[in-house]
Amino acid sequence: MGPLKCKVCEDANSKYKCPTCLLPYCSLPCYKKHKETPCIKSEVAAESNAASEELRHMLKNPELQQLIKKIDSSDDVEKDLNAAMEDQLFRDFRDKVLGIVNPVKN
């Protein structure tokens, strides 16, 4: 999956997303043009922002940081990932990431 096109000019690849409605845009002029018409905060954006804040909070935990570093620098990633899965903190982190990447629709 390649980069998204700007939904304002439909020309350039988007580098940003509107913080309110998540519309992809490529530049400040396109953002200003988009904001000429008020946009609506999407439920997905609100849920994503809340989940992202919670994820940022989790990543401040030194124990979780060490688990991630160990996996990242491992010679046997599968073994160390399986070992990390024994830790409730890591499982909670995994669940939060998966919830952001693939949210469950009600």
PDB file of N, CA and C in Angstrom:
ATOM      1  N   MET A   1       0.847  -1.171   0.000  1.00  0.00           N
ATOM      2  CA  MET A   1       0.000   0.000   0.000  1.00  0.00           C
ATOM      3  C   MET A   1       0.888   1.229   0.000  1.00  0.00           C
ATOM      4  N   GLY A   2       0.759   2.062  -1.013  1.00  0.00           N
ATOM      5  CA  GLY A   2       1.577   3.251  -1.141  1.00  0.00           C
ATOM      6  C   GLY A   2       1.013   4.406  -0.340  1.00  0.00           C
ATOM      7  N   PRO A   3       1.691   5.548  -0.439  1.00  0.00           N
ATOM      8  CA  PRO A   3       1.215   6.724   0.286  1.00  0.00           C
ATOM      9  C   PRO A   3      -0.142   7.191  -0.251  1.00  0.00           C
ATOM     10  N   LEU A   4      -0.917   7.796   0.620  1.00  0.00           N
ATOM     11  CA  LEU A   4      -2.220   8.331   0.229  1.00  0.00           C
ATOM     12  C   LEU A   4      -2.046   9.642  -0.524  1.00  0.00           C
ATOM     13  N   LYS A   5      -2.957   9.901  -1.440  1.00  0.00           N
ATOM     14  CA  LYS A   5      -2.969  11.178  -2.149  1.00  0.00           C
ATOM     15  C   LYS A   5      -3.638  12.225  -1.275  1.00  0.00           C
ATOM     16  N   CYS A   6      -3.202  13.456  -1.435  1.00  0.00           N
ATOM     17  CA  CYS A   6      -3.824  14.590  -0.762  1.00  0.00           C
ATOM     18  C   CYS A   6      -5.282  14.664  -1.213  1.00  0.00           C
ATOM     19  N   LYS A   7      -6.201  14.744  -0.266  1.00  0.00           N
ATOM     20  CA  LYS A   7      -7.630  14.789  -0.599  1.00  0.00           C
ATOM     21  C   LYS A   7      -8.096  16.215  -0.886  1.00  0.00           C
ATOM     22  N   VAL A   8      -7.176  17.184  -0.812  1.00  0.00           N
ATOM     23  CA  VAL A   8      -7.530  18.573  -1.126  1.00  0.00           C
ATOM     24  C   VAL A   8      -7.155  18.874  -2.575  1.00  0.00           C
ATOM     25  N   CYS A   9      -5.881  18.683  -2.921  1.00  0.00           N
ATOM     26  CA  CYS A   9      -5.442  18.988  -4.290  1.00  0.00           C
ATOM     27  C   CYS A   9      -5.508  17.772  -5.208  1.00  0.00           C
ATOM     28  N   GLU A  10      -5.605  16.571  -4.607  1.00  0.00           N
ATOM     29  CA  GLU A  10      -5.662  15.316  -5.371  1.00  0.00           C
ATOM     30  C   GLU A  10      -4.443  15.121  -6.275  1.00  0.00           C
ATOM     31  N   ASP A  11      -3.339  15.795  -5.938  1.00  0.00           N
ATOM     32  CA  ASP A  11      -2.159  15.729  -6.787  1.00  0.00           C
ATOM     33  C   ASP A  11      -0.980  15.082  -6.053  1.00  0.00           C
ATOM     34  N   ALA A  12      -0.554  15.698  -4.978  1.00  0.00           N
ATOM     35  CA  ALA A  12       0.640  15.245  -4.255  1.00  0.00           C
ATOM     36  C   ALA A  12       0.289  14.140  -3.260  1.00  0.00           C
ATOM     37  N   ASN A  13       1.316  13.413  -2.832  1.00  0.00           N
ATOM     38  CA  ASN A  13       1.135  12.440  -1.765  1.00  0.00           C
ATOM     39  C   ASN A  13       0.939  13.191  -0.459  1.00  0.00           C
ATOM     40  N   SER A  14       0.056  12.683   0.381  1.00  0.00           N
ATOM     41  CA  SER A  14      -0.185  13.341   1.662  1.00  0.00           C
ATOM     42  C   SER A  14       0.945  13.028   2.625  1.00  0.00           C
ATOM     43  N   LYS A  15       1.287  14.012   3.432  1.00  0.00           N
ATOM     44  CA  LYS A  15       2.287  13.832   4.473  1.00  0.00           C
ATOM     45  C   LYS A  15       1.639  13.967   5.848  1.00  0.00           C
ATOM     46  N   TYR A  16       0.430  14.522   5.889  1.00  0.00           N
ATOM     47  CA  TYR A  16      -0.221  14.860   7.142  1.00  0.00           C
ATOM     48  C   TYR A  16      -1.687  14.434   7.116  1.00  0.00           C
ATOM     49  N   LYS A  17      -2.299  14.477   8.296  1.00  0.00           N
ATOM     50  CA  LYS A  17      -3.741  14.238   8.415  1.00  0.00           C
ATOM     51  C   LYS A  17      -4.329  15.323   9.288  1.00  0.00           C
ATOM     52  N   CYS A  18      -5.492  15.799   8.913  1.00  0.00           N
ATOM     53  CA  CYS A  18      -6.202  16.793   9.714  1.00  0.00           C
ATOM     54  C   CYS A  18      -6.421  16.215  11.110  1.00  0.00           C
ATOM     55  N   PRO A  19      -6.065  16.939  12.163  1.00  0.00           N
ATOM     56  CA  PRO A  19      -6.249  16.413  13.518  1.00  0.00           C
ATOM     57  C   PRO A  19      -7.724  16.256  13.898  1.00  0.00           C
ATOM     58  N   THR A  20      -8.589  16.925  13.195  1.00  0.00           N
ATOM     59  CA  THR A  20     -10.013  16.854  13.513  1.00  0.00           C
ATOM     60  C   THR A  20     -10.704  15.703  12.800  1.00  0.00           C
ATOM     61  N   CYS A  21     -10.566  15.629  11.482  1.00  0.00           N
ATOM     62  CA  CYS A  21     -11.321  14.631  10.710  1.00  0.00           C
ATOM     63  C   CYS A  21     -10.451  13.562  10.049  1.00  0.00           C
ATOM     64  N   LEU A  22      -9.134  13.674  10.187  1.00  0.00           N
ATOM     65  CA  LEU A  22      -8.174  12.706   9.642  1.00  0.00           C
ATOM     66  C   LEU A  22      -8.049  12.731   8.125  1.00  0.00           C
ATOM     67  N   LEU A  23      -8.527  13.775   7.466  1.00  0.00           N
ATOM     68  CA  LEU A  23      -8.395  13.901   6.025  1.00  0.00           C
ATOM     69  C   LEU A  23      -6.909  14.068   5.662  1.00  0.00           C
ATOM     70  N   PRO A  24      -6.385  13.268   4.741  1.00  0.00           N
ATOM     71  CA  PRO A  24      -4.983  13.404   4.345  1.00  0.00           C
ATOM     72  C   PRO A  24      -4.766  14.664   3.504  1.00  0.00           C
ATOM     73  N   TYR A  25      -3.699  15.405   3.802  1.00  0.00           N
ATOM     74  CA  TYR A  25      -3.344  16.588   3.014  1.00  0.00           C
ATOM     75  C   TYR A  25      -1.829  16.661   2.887  1.00  0.00           C
ATOM     76  N   CYS A  26      -1.361  17.485   1.935  1.00  0.00           N
ATOM     77  CA  CYS A  26       0.065  17.471   1.608  1.00  0.00           C
ATOM     78  C   CYS A  26       0.847  18.683   2.097  1.00  0.00           C
ATOM     79  N   SER A  27       0.169  19.810   2.343  1.00  0.00           N
ATOM     80  CA  SER A  27       0.910  21.035   2.630  1.00  0.00           C
ATOM     81  C   SER A  27       0.053  22.017   3.415  1.00  0.00           C
ATOM     82  N   LEU A  28       0.678  23.071   3.900  1.00  0.00           N
ATOM     83  CA  LEU A  28      -0.033  24.113   4.624  1.00  0.00           C
ATOM     84  C   LEU A  28      -1.109  24.773   3.758  1.00  0.00           C
ATOM     85  N   PRO A  29      -0.827  25.112   2.493  1.00  0.00           N
ATOM     86  CA  PRO A  29      -1.905  25.688   1.671  1.00  0.00           C
ATOM     87  C   PRO A  29      -3.128  24.758   1.551  1.00  0.00           C
ATOM     88  N   CYS A  30      -2.876  23.464   1.394  1.00  0.00           N
ATOM     89  CA  CYS A  30      -4.003  22.524   1.305  1.00  0.00           C
ATOM     90  C   CYS A  30      -4.737  22.429   2.646  1.00  0.00           C
ATOM     91  N   TYR A  31      -3.998  22.464   3.737  1.00  0.00           N
ATOM     92  CA  TYR A  31      -4.638  22.436   5.059  1.00  0.00           C
ATOM     93  C   TYR A  31      -5.525  23.670   5.236  1.00  0.00           C
ATOM     94  N   LYS A  32      -5.008  24.845   4.864  1.00  0.00           N
ATOM     95  CA  LYS A  32      -5.793  26.078   4.992  1.00  0.00           C
ATOM     96  C   LYS A  32      -7.047  26.016   4.125  1.00  0.00           C
ATOM     97  N   LYS A  33      -6.906  25.470   2.926  1.00  0.00           N
ATOM     98  CA  LYS A  33      -8.069  25.342   2.039  1.00  0.00           C
ATOM     99  C   LYS A  33      -9.093  24.393   2.655  1.00  0.00           C
ATOM    100  N   HIS A  34      -8.617  23.293   3.206  1.00  0.00           N
ATOM    101  CA  HIS A  34      -9.494  22.321   3.858  1.00  0.00           C
ATOM    102  C   HIS A  34     -10.245  22.976   5.024  1.00  0.00           C
ATOM    103  N   LYS A  35      -9.570  23.812   5.782  1.00  0.00           N
ATOM    104  CA  LYS A  35     -10.166  24.434   6.966  1.00  0.00           C
ATOM    105  C   LYS A  35     -11.118  25.588   6.630  1.00  0.00           C
ATOM    106  N   GLU A  36     -11.210  25.959   5.367  1.00  0.00           N
ATOM    107  CA  GLU A  36     -12.178  26.987   4.969  1.00  0.00           C
ATOM    108  C   GLU A  36     -13.610  26.513   5.253  1.00  0.00           C
ATOM    109  N   THR A  37     -13.810  25.212   5.207  1.00  0.00           N
ATOM    110  CA  THR A  37     -15.097  24.617   5.546  1.00  0.00           C
ATOM    111  C   THR A  37     -14.887  23.810   6.827  1.00  0.00           C
ATOM    112  N   PRO A  38     -15.639  24.112   7.880  1.00  0.00           N
ATOM    113  CA  PRO A  38     -15.436  23.372   9.139  1.00  0.00           C
ATOM    114  C   PRO A  38     -15.618  21.872   8.939  1.00  0.00           C
ATOM    115  N   CYS A  39     -14.735  21.110   9.535  1.00  0.00           N
ATOM    116  CA  CYS A  39     -14.845  19.658   9.441  1.00  0.00           C
ATOM    117  C   CYS A  39     -15.353  19.117  10.777  1.00  0.00           C
ATOM    118  N   ILE A  40     -15.760  17.890  10.763  1.00  0.00           N
ATOM    119  CA  ILE A  40     -16.361  17.265  11.935  1.00  0.00           C
ATOM    120  C   ILE A  40     -15.405  16.235  12.498  1.00  0.00           C
ATOM    121  N   LYS A  41     -15.254  16.268  13.813  1.00  0.00           N
ATOM    122  CA  LYS A  41     -14.399  15.297  14.478  1.00  0.00           C
ATOM    123  C   LYS A  41     -15.026  13.916  14.345  1.00  0.00           C
ATOM    124  N   SER A  42     -14.272  13.003  13.795  1.00  0.00           N
ATOM    125  CA  SER A  42     -14.800  11.658  13.615  1.00  0.00           C
ATOM    126  C   SER A  42     -14.655  10.862  14.900  1.00  0.00           C
ATOM    127  N   GLU A  43     -15.558   9.907  15.110  1.00  0.00           N
ATOM    128  CA  GLU A  43     -15.464   9.039  16.280  1.00  0.00           C
ATOM    129  C   GLU A  43     -14.178   8.245  16.238  1.00  0.00           C
ATOM    130  N   VAL A  44     -13.781   7.837  15.041  1.00  0.00           N
ATOM    131  CA  VAL A  44     -12.545   7.074  14.881  1.00  0.00           C
ATOM    132  C   VAL A  44     -11.361   7.912  15.352  1.00  0.00           C
ATOM    133  N   ALA A  45     -11.333   9.201  14.981  1.00  0.00           N
ATOM    134  CA  ALA A  45     -10.247  10.081  15.389  1.00  0.00           C
ATOM    135  C   ALA A  45     -10.221  10.222  16.899  1.00  0.00           C
ATOM    136  N   ALA A  46     -11.383  10.417  17.520  1.00  0.00           N
ATOM    137  CA  ALA A  46     -11.440  10.571  18.971  1.00  0.00           C
ATOM    138  C   ALA A  46     -10.958   9.313  19.675  1.00  0.00           C
ATOM    139  N   GLU A  47     -11.428   8.149  19.211  1.00  0.00           N
ATOM    140  CA  GLU A  47     -11.009   6.885  19.812  1.00  0.00           C
ATOM    141  C   GLU A  47      -9.522   6.650  19.596  1.00  0.00           C
ATOM    142  N   SER A  48      -9.039   6.957  18.402  1.00  0.00           N
ATOM    143  CA  SER A  48      -7.629   6.769  18.076  1.00  0.00           C
ATOM    144  C   SER A  48      -6.750   7.673  18.933  1.00  0.00           C
ATOM    145  N   ASN A  49      -7.158   8.942  19.105  1.00  0.00           N
ATOM    146  CA  ASN A  49      -6.378   9.859  19.926  1.00  0.00           C
ATOM    147  C   ASN A  49      -6.313   9.387  21.369  1.00  0.00           C
ATOM    148  N   ALA A  50      -7.435   8.920  21.917  1.00  0.00           N
ATOM    149  CA  ALA A  50      -7.452   8.428  23.291  1.00  0.00           C
ATOM    150  C   ALA A  50      -6.557   7.198  23.420  1.00  0.00           C
ATOM    151  N   ALA A  51      -6.665   6.281  22.472  1.00  0.00           N
ATOM    152  CA  ALA A  51      -5.846   5.070  22.513  1.00  0.00           C
ATOM    153  C   ALA A  51      -4.376   5.419  22.350  1.00  0.00           C
ATOM    154  N   SER A  52      -4.069   6.382  21.493  1.00  0.00           N
ATOM    155  CA  SER A  52      -2.681   6.789  21.294  1.00  0.00           C
ATOM    156  C   SER A  52      -2.096   7.406  22.557  1.00  0.00           C
ATOM    157  N   GLU A  53      -2.895   8.198  23.260  1.00  0.00           N
ATOM    158  CA  GLU A  53      -2.435   8.789  24.527  1.00  0.00           C
ATOM    159  C   GLU A  53      -2.136   7.690  25.545  1.00  0.00           C
ATOM    160  N   GLU A  54      -3.014   6.708  25.612  1.00  0.00           N
ATOM    161  CA  GLU A  54      -2.801   5.597  26.535  1.00  0.00           C
ATOM    162  C   GLU A  54      -1.550   4.815  26.154  1.00  0.00           C
ATOM    163  N   LEU A  55      -1.338   4.619  24.862  1.00  0.00           N
ATOM    164  CA  LEU A  55      -0.156   3.915  24.377  1.00  0.00           C
ATOM    165  C   LEU A  55       1.111   4.701  24.721  1.00  0.00           C
ATOM    166  N   ARG A  56       1.086   6.023  24.516  1.00  0.00           N
ATOM    167  CA  ARG A  56       2.243   6.858  24.885  1.00  0.00           C
ATOM    168  C   ARG A  56       2.556   6.729  26.369  1.00  0.00           C
ATOM    169  N   HIS A  57       1.515   6.706  27.186  1.00  0.00           N
ATOM    170  CA  HIS A  57       1.700   6.555  28.629  1.00  0.00           C
ATOM    171  C   HIS A  57       2.354   5.202  28.945  1.00  0.00           C
ATOM    172  N   MET A  58       1.879   4.152  28.288  1.00  0.00           N
ATOM    173  CA  MET A  58       2.443   2.819  28.511  1.00  0.00           C
ATOM    174  C   MET A  58       3.922   2.779  28.136  1.00  0.00           C
ATOM    175  N   LEU A  59       4.277   3.464  27.040  1.00  0.00           N
ATOM    176  CA  LEU A  59       5.664   3.425  26.556  1.00  0.00           C
ATOM    177  C   LEU A  59       6.638   4.175  27.462  1.00  0.00           C
ATOM    178  N   LYS A  60       6.153   4.920  28.423  1.00  0.00           N
ATOM    179  CA  LYS A  60       7.022   5.604  29.388  1.00  0.00           C
ATOM    180  C   LYS A  60       7.502   4.650  30.478  1.00  0.00           C
ATOM    181  N   ASN A  61       6.912   3.466  30.547  1.00  0.00           N
ATOM    182  CA  ASN A  61       7.265   2.489  31.564  1.00  0.00           C
ATOM    183  C   ASN A  61       8.634   1.874  31.249  1.00  0.00           C
ATOM    184  N   PRO A  62       9.626   2.033  32.148  1.00  0.00           N
ATOM    185  CA  PRO A  62      10.979   1.502  31.886  1.00  0.00           C
ATOM    186  C   PRO A  62      11.010  -0.018  31.698  1.00  0.00           C
ATOM    187  N   GLU A  63      10.141  -0.726  32.407  1.00  0.00           N
ATOM    188  CA  GLU A  63      10.106  -2.190  32.264  1.00  0.00           C
ATOM    189  C   GLU A  63       9.667  -2.575  30.856  1.00  0.00           C
ATOM    190  N   LEU A  64       8.648  -1.906  30.344  1.00  0.00           N
ATOM    191  CA  LEU A  64       8.176  -2.172  28.979  1.00  0.00           C
ATOM    192  C   LEU A  64       9.253  -1.772  27.964  1.00  0.00           C
ATOM    193  N   GLN A  65       9.909  -0.661  28.200  1.00  0.00           N
ATOM    194  CA  GLN A  65      10.990  -0.231  27.306  1.00  0.00           C
ATOM    195  C   GLN A  65      12.077  -1.295  27.226  1.00  0.00           C
ATOM    196  N   GLN A  66      12.432  -1.877  28.360  1.00  0.00           N
ATOM    197  CA  GLN A  66      13.464  -2.920  28.374  1.00  0.00           C
ATOM    198  C   GLN A  66      13.017  -4.156  27.609  1.00  0.00           C
ATOM    199  N   LEU A  67      11.754  -4.546  27.780  1.00  0.00           N
ATOM    200  CA  LEU A  67      11.243  -5.710  27.041  1.00  0.00           C
ATOM    201  C   LEU A  67      11.312  -5.476  25.532  1.00  0.00           C
ATOM    202  N   ILE A  68      10.917  -4.289  25.108  1.00  0.00           N
ATOM    203  CA  ILE A  68      10.932  -3.972  23.677  1.00  0.00           C
ATOM    204  C   ILE A  68      12.363  -3.915  23.154  1.00  0.00           C
ATOM    205  N   LYS A  69      13.265  -3.310  23.909  1.00  0.00           N
ATOM    206  CA  LYS A  69      14.679  -3.243  23.497  1.00  0.00           C
ATOM    207  C   LYS A  69      15.273  -4.639  23.378  1.00  0.00           C
ATOM    208  N   LYS A  70      14.940  -5.517  24.339  1.00  0.00           N
ATOM    209  CA  LYS A  70      15.472  -6.883  24.310  1.00  0.00           C
ATOM    210  C   LYS A  70      15.013  -7.606  23.044  1.00  0.00           C
ATOM    211  N   ILE A  71      13.737  -7.464  22.695  1.00  0.00           N
ATOM    212  CA  ILE A  71      13.214  -8.102  21.486  1.00  0.00           C
ATOM    213  C   ILE A  71      13.871  -7.507  20.248  1.00  0.00           C
ATOM    214  N   ASP A  72      13.982  -6.172  20.218  1.00  0.00           N
ATOM    215  CA  ASP A  72      14.528  -5.476  19.058  1.00  0.00           C
ATOM    216  C   ASP A  72      15.984  -5.857  18.783  1.00  0.00           C
ATOM    217  N   SER A  73      16.756  -6.097  19.839  1.00  0.00           N
ATOM    218  CA  SER A  73      18.178  -6.397  19.646  1.00  0.00           C
ATOM    219  C   SER A  73      18.488  -7.890  19.757  1.00  0.00           C
ATOM    220  N   SER A  74      17.469  -8.708  19.756  1.00  0.00           N
ATOM    221  CA  SER A  74      17.629 -10.135  19.980  1.00  0.00           C
ATOM    222  C   SER A  74      18.215 -10.874  18.785  1.00  0.00           C
ATOM    223  N   ASP A  75      18.985 -11.921  19.107  1.00  0.00           N
ATOM    224  CA  ASP A  75      19.459 -12.844  18.077  1.00  0.00           C
ATOM    225  C   ASP A  75      18.395 -13.911  17.797  1.00  0.00           C
ATOM    226  N   ASP A  76      17.503 -14.092  18.752  1.00  0.00           N
ATOM    227  CA  ASP A  76      16.397 -15.053  18.606  1.00  0.00           C
ATOM    228  C   ASP A  76      15.100 -14.322  18.958  1.00  0.00           C
ATOM    229  N   VAL A  77      14.607 -13.560  18.001  1.00  0.00           N
ATOM    230  CA  VAL A  77      13.441 -12.701  18.221  1.00  0.00           C
ATOM    231  C   VAL A  77      12.226 -13.511  18.658  1.00  0.00           C
ATOM    232  N   GLU A  78      11.983 -14.625  18.009  1.00  0.00           N
ATOM    233  CA  GLU A  78      10.813 -15.438  18.348  1.00  0.00           C
ATOM    234  C   GLU A  78      10.863 -15.898  19.802  1.00  0.00           C
ATOM    235  N   LYS A  79      12.031 -16.342  20.256  1.00  0.00           N
ATOM    236  CA  LYS A  79      12.181 -16.805  21.645  1.00  0.00           C
ATOM    237  C   LYS A  79      11.936 -15.646  22.614  1.00  0.00           C
ATOM    238  N   ASP A  80      12.543 -14.501  22.349  1.00  0.00           N
ATOM    239  CA  ASP A  80      12.397 -13.369  23.259  1.00  0.00           C
ATOM    240  C   ASP A  80      10.987 -12.770  23.206  1.00  0.00           C
ATOM    241  N   LEU A  81      10.351 -12.806  22.041  1.00  0.00           N
ATOM    242  CA  LEU A  81       8.976 -12.335  21.940  1.00  0.00           C
ATOM    243  C   LEU A  81       8.052 -13.259  22.729  1.00  0.00           C
ATOM    244  N   ASN A  82       8.248 -14.562  22.603  1.00  0.00           N
ATOM    245  CA  ASN A  82       7.443 -15.513  23.378  1.00  0.00           C
ATOM    246  C   ASN A  82       7.662 -15.329  24.878  1.00  0.00           C
ATOM    247  N   ALA A  83       8.889 -15.049  25.272  1.00  0.00           N
ATOM    248  CA  ALA A  83       9.181 -14.805  26.692  1.00  0.00           C
ATOM    249  C   ALA A  83       8.487 -13.522  27.161  1.00  0.00           C
ATOM    250  N   ALA A  84       8.498 -12.493  26.333  1.00  0.00           N
ATOM    251  CA  ALA A  84       7.849 -11.231  26.692  1.00  0.00           C
ATOM    252  C   ALA A  84       6.337 -11.420  26.833  1.00  0.00           C
ATOM    253  N   MET A  85       5.768 -12.340  26.059  1.00  0.00           N
ATOM    254  CA  MET A  85       4.332 -12.583  26.123  1.00  0.00           C
ATOM    255  C   MET A  85       3.901 -13.173  27.462  1.00  0.00           C
ATOM    256  N   GLU A  86       4.854 -13.658  28.245  1.00  0.00           N
ATOM    257  CA  GLU A  86       4.546 -14.164  29.587  1.00  0.00           C
ATOM    258  C   GLU A  86       4.280 -13.008  30.552  1.00  0.00           C
ATOM    259  N   ASP A  87       4.705 -11.807  30.190  1.00  0.00           N
ATOM    260  CA  ASP A  87       4.578 -10.622  31.046  1.00  0.00           C
ATOM    261  C   ASP A  87       3.257  -9.905  30.759  1.00  0.00           C
ATOM    262  N   GLN A  88       2.443  -9.696  31.785  1.00  0.00           N
ATOM    263  CA  GLN A  88       1.134  -9.047  31.616  1.00  0.00           C
ATOM    264  C   GLN A  88       1.279  -7.644  31.031  1.00  0.00           C
ATOM    265  N   LEU A  89       2.316  -6.928  31.439  1.00  0.00           N
ATOM    266  CA  LEU A  89       2.552  -5.574  30.931  1.00  0.00           C
ATOM    267  C   LEU A  89       2.724  -5.596  29.409  1.00  0.00           C
ATOM    268  N   PHE A  90       3.502  -6.541  28.908  1.00  0.00           N
ATOM    269  CA  PHE A  90       3.722  -6.642  27.468  1.00  0.00           C
ATOM    270  C   PHE A  90       2.441  -7.066  26.746  1.00  0.00           C
ATOM    271  N   ARG A  91       1.679  -7.988  27.354  1.00  0.00           N
ATOM    272  CA  ARG A  91       0.416  -8.414  26.732  1.00  0.00           C
ATOM    273  C   ARG A  91      -0.569  -7.244  26.653  1.00  0.00           C
ATOM    274  N   ASP A  92      -0.610  -6.419  27.692  1.00  0.00           N
ATOM    275  CA  ASP A  92      -1.477  -5.233  27.664  1.00  0.00           C
ATOM    276  C   ASP A  92      -1.039  -4.275  26.553  1.00  0.00           C
ATOM    277  N   PHE A  93       0.272  -4.111  26.400  1.00  0.00           N
ATOM    278  CA  PHE A  93       0.824  -3.262  25.340  1.00  0.00           C
ATOM    279  C   PHE A  93       0.442  -3.825  23.966  1.00  0.00           C
ATOM    280  N   ARG A  94       0.625  -5.107  23.787  1.00  0.00           N
ATOM    281  CA  ARG A  94       0.258  -5.764  22.523  1.00  0.00           C
ATOM    282  C   ARG A  94      -1.215  -5.548  22.202  1.00  0.00           C
ATOM    283  N   ASP A  95      -2.074  -5.743  23.199  1.00  0.00           N
ATOM    284  CA  ASP A  95      -3.510  -5.584  22.989  1.00  0.00           C
ATOM    285  C   ASP A  95      -3.860  -4.148  22.610  1.00  0.00           C
ATOM    286  N   LYS A  96      -3.202  -3.175  23.239  1.00  0.00           N
ATOM    287  CA  LYS A  96      -3.471  -1.772  22.933  1.00  0.00           C
ATOM    288  C   LYS A  96      -3.037  -1.451  21.503  1.00  0.00           C
ATOM    289  N   VAL A  97      -1.855  -1.919  21.100  1.00  0.00           N
ATOM    290  CA  VAL A  97      -1.373  -1.685  19.740  1.00  0.00           C
ATOM    291  C   VAL A  97      -2.312  -2.326  18.726  1.00  0.00           C
ATOM    292  N   LEU A  98      -2.696  -3.561  18.964  1.00  0.00           N
ATOM    293  CA  LEU A  98      -3.598  -4.254  18.036  1.00  0.00           C
ATOM    294  C   LEU A  98      -4.957  -3.568  17.980  1.00  0.00           C
ATOM    295  N   GLY A  99      -5.417  -3.017  19.105  1.00  0.00           N
ATOM    296  CA  GLY A  99      -6.686  -2.302  19.123  1.00  0.00           C
ATOM    297  C   GLY A  99      -6.641  -1.038  18.296  1.00  0.00           C
ATOM    298  N   ILE A 100      -5.476  -0.406  18.226  1.00  0.00           N
ATOM    299  CA  ILE A 100      -5.314   0.811  17.416  1.00  0.00           C
ATOM    300  C   ILE A 100      -5.204   0.435  15.939  1.00  0.00           C
ATOM    301  N   VAL A 101      -4.412  -0.577  15.645  1.00  0.00           N
ATOM    302  CA  VAL A 101      -4.169  -0.980  14.270  1.00  0.00           C
ATOM    303  C   VAL A 101      -5.407  -1.617  13.648  1.00  0.00           C
ATOM    304  N   ASN A 102      -6.116  -2.411  14.413  1.00  0.00           N
ATOM    305  CA  ASN A 102      -7.275  -3.131  13.904  1.00  0.00           C
ATOM    306  C   ASN A 102      -8.428  -3.014  14.906  1.00  0.00           C
ATOM    307  N   PRO A 103      -9.063  -1.828  14.962  1.00  0.00           N
ATOM    308  CA  PRO A 103     -10.121  -1.626  15.962  1.00  0.00           C
ATOM    309  C   PRO A 103     -11.326  -2.532  15.718  1.00  0.00           C
ATOM    310  N   VAL A 104     -11.930  -2.956  16.799  1.00  0.00           N
ATOM    311  CA  VAL A 104     -13.128  -3.793  16.731  1.00  0.00           C
ATOM    312  C   VAL A 104     -14.321  -2.876  16.508  1.00  0.00           C
ATOM    313  N   LYS A 105     -15.104  -3.180  15.476  1.00  0.00           N
ATOM    314  CA  LYS A 105     -16.301  -2.404  15.173  1.00  0.00           C
ATOM    315  C   LYS A 105     -17.463  -2.962  15.980  1.00  0.00           C
ATOM    316  N   ASN A 106     -18.253  -2.079  16.599  1.00  0.00           N
ATOM    317  CA  ASN A 106     -19.416  -2.524  17.375  1.00  0.00           C
ATOM    318  C   ASN A 106     -20.599  -2.750  16.471  1.00  0.00           C
TER     319      ASN A 106
END
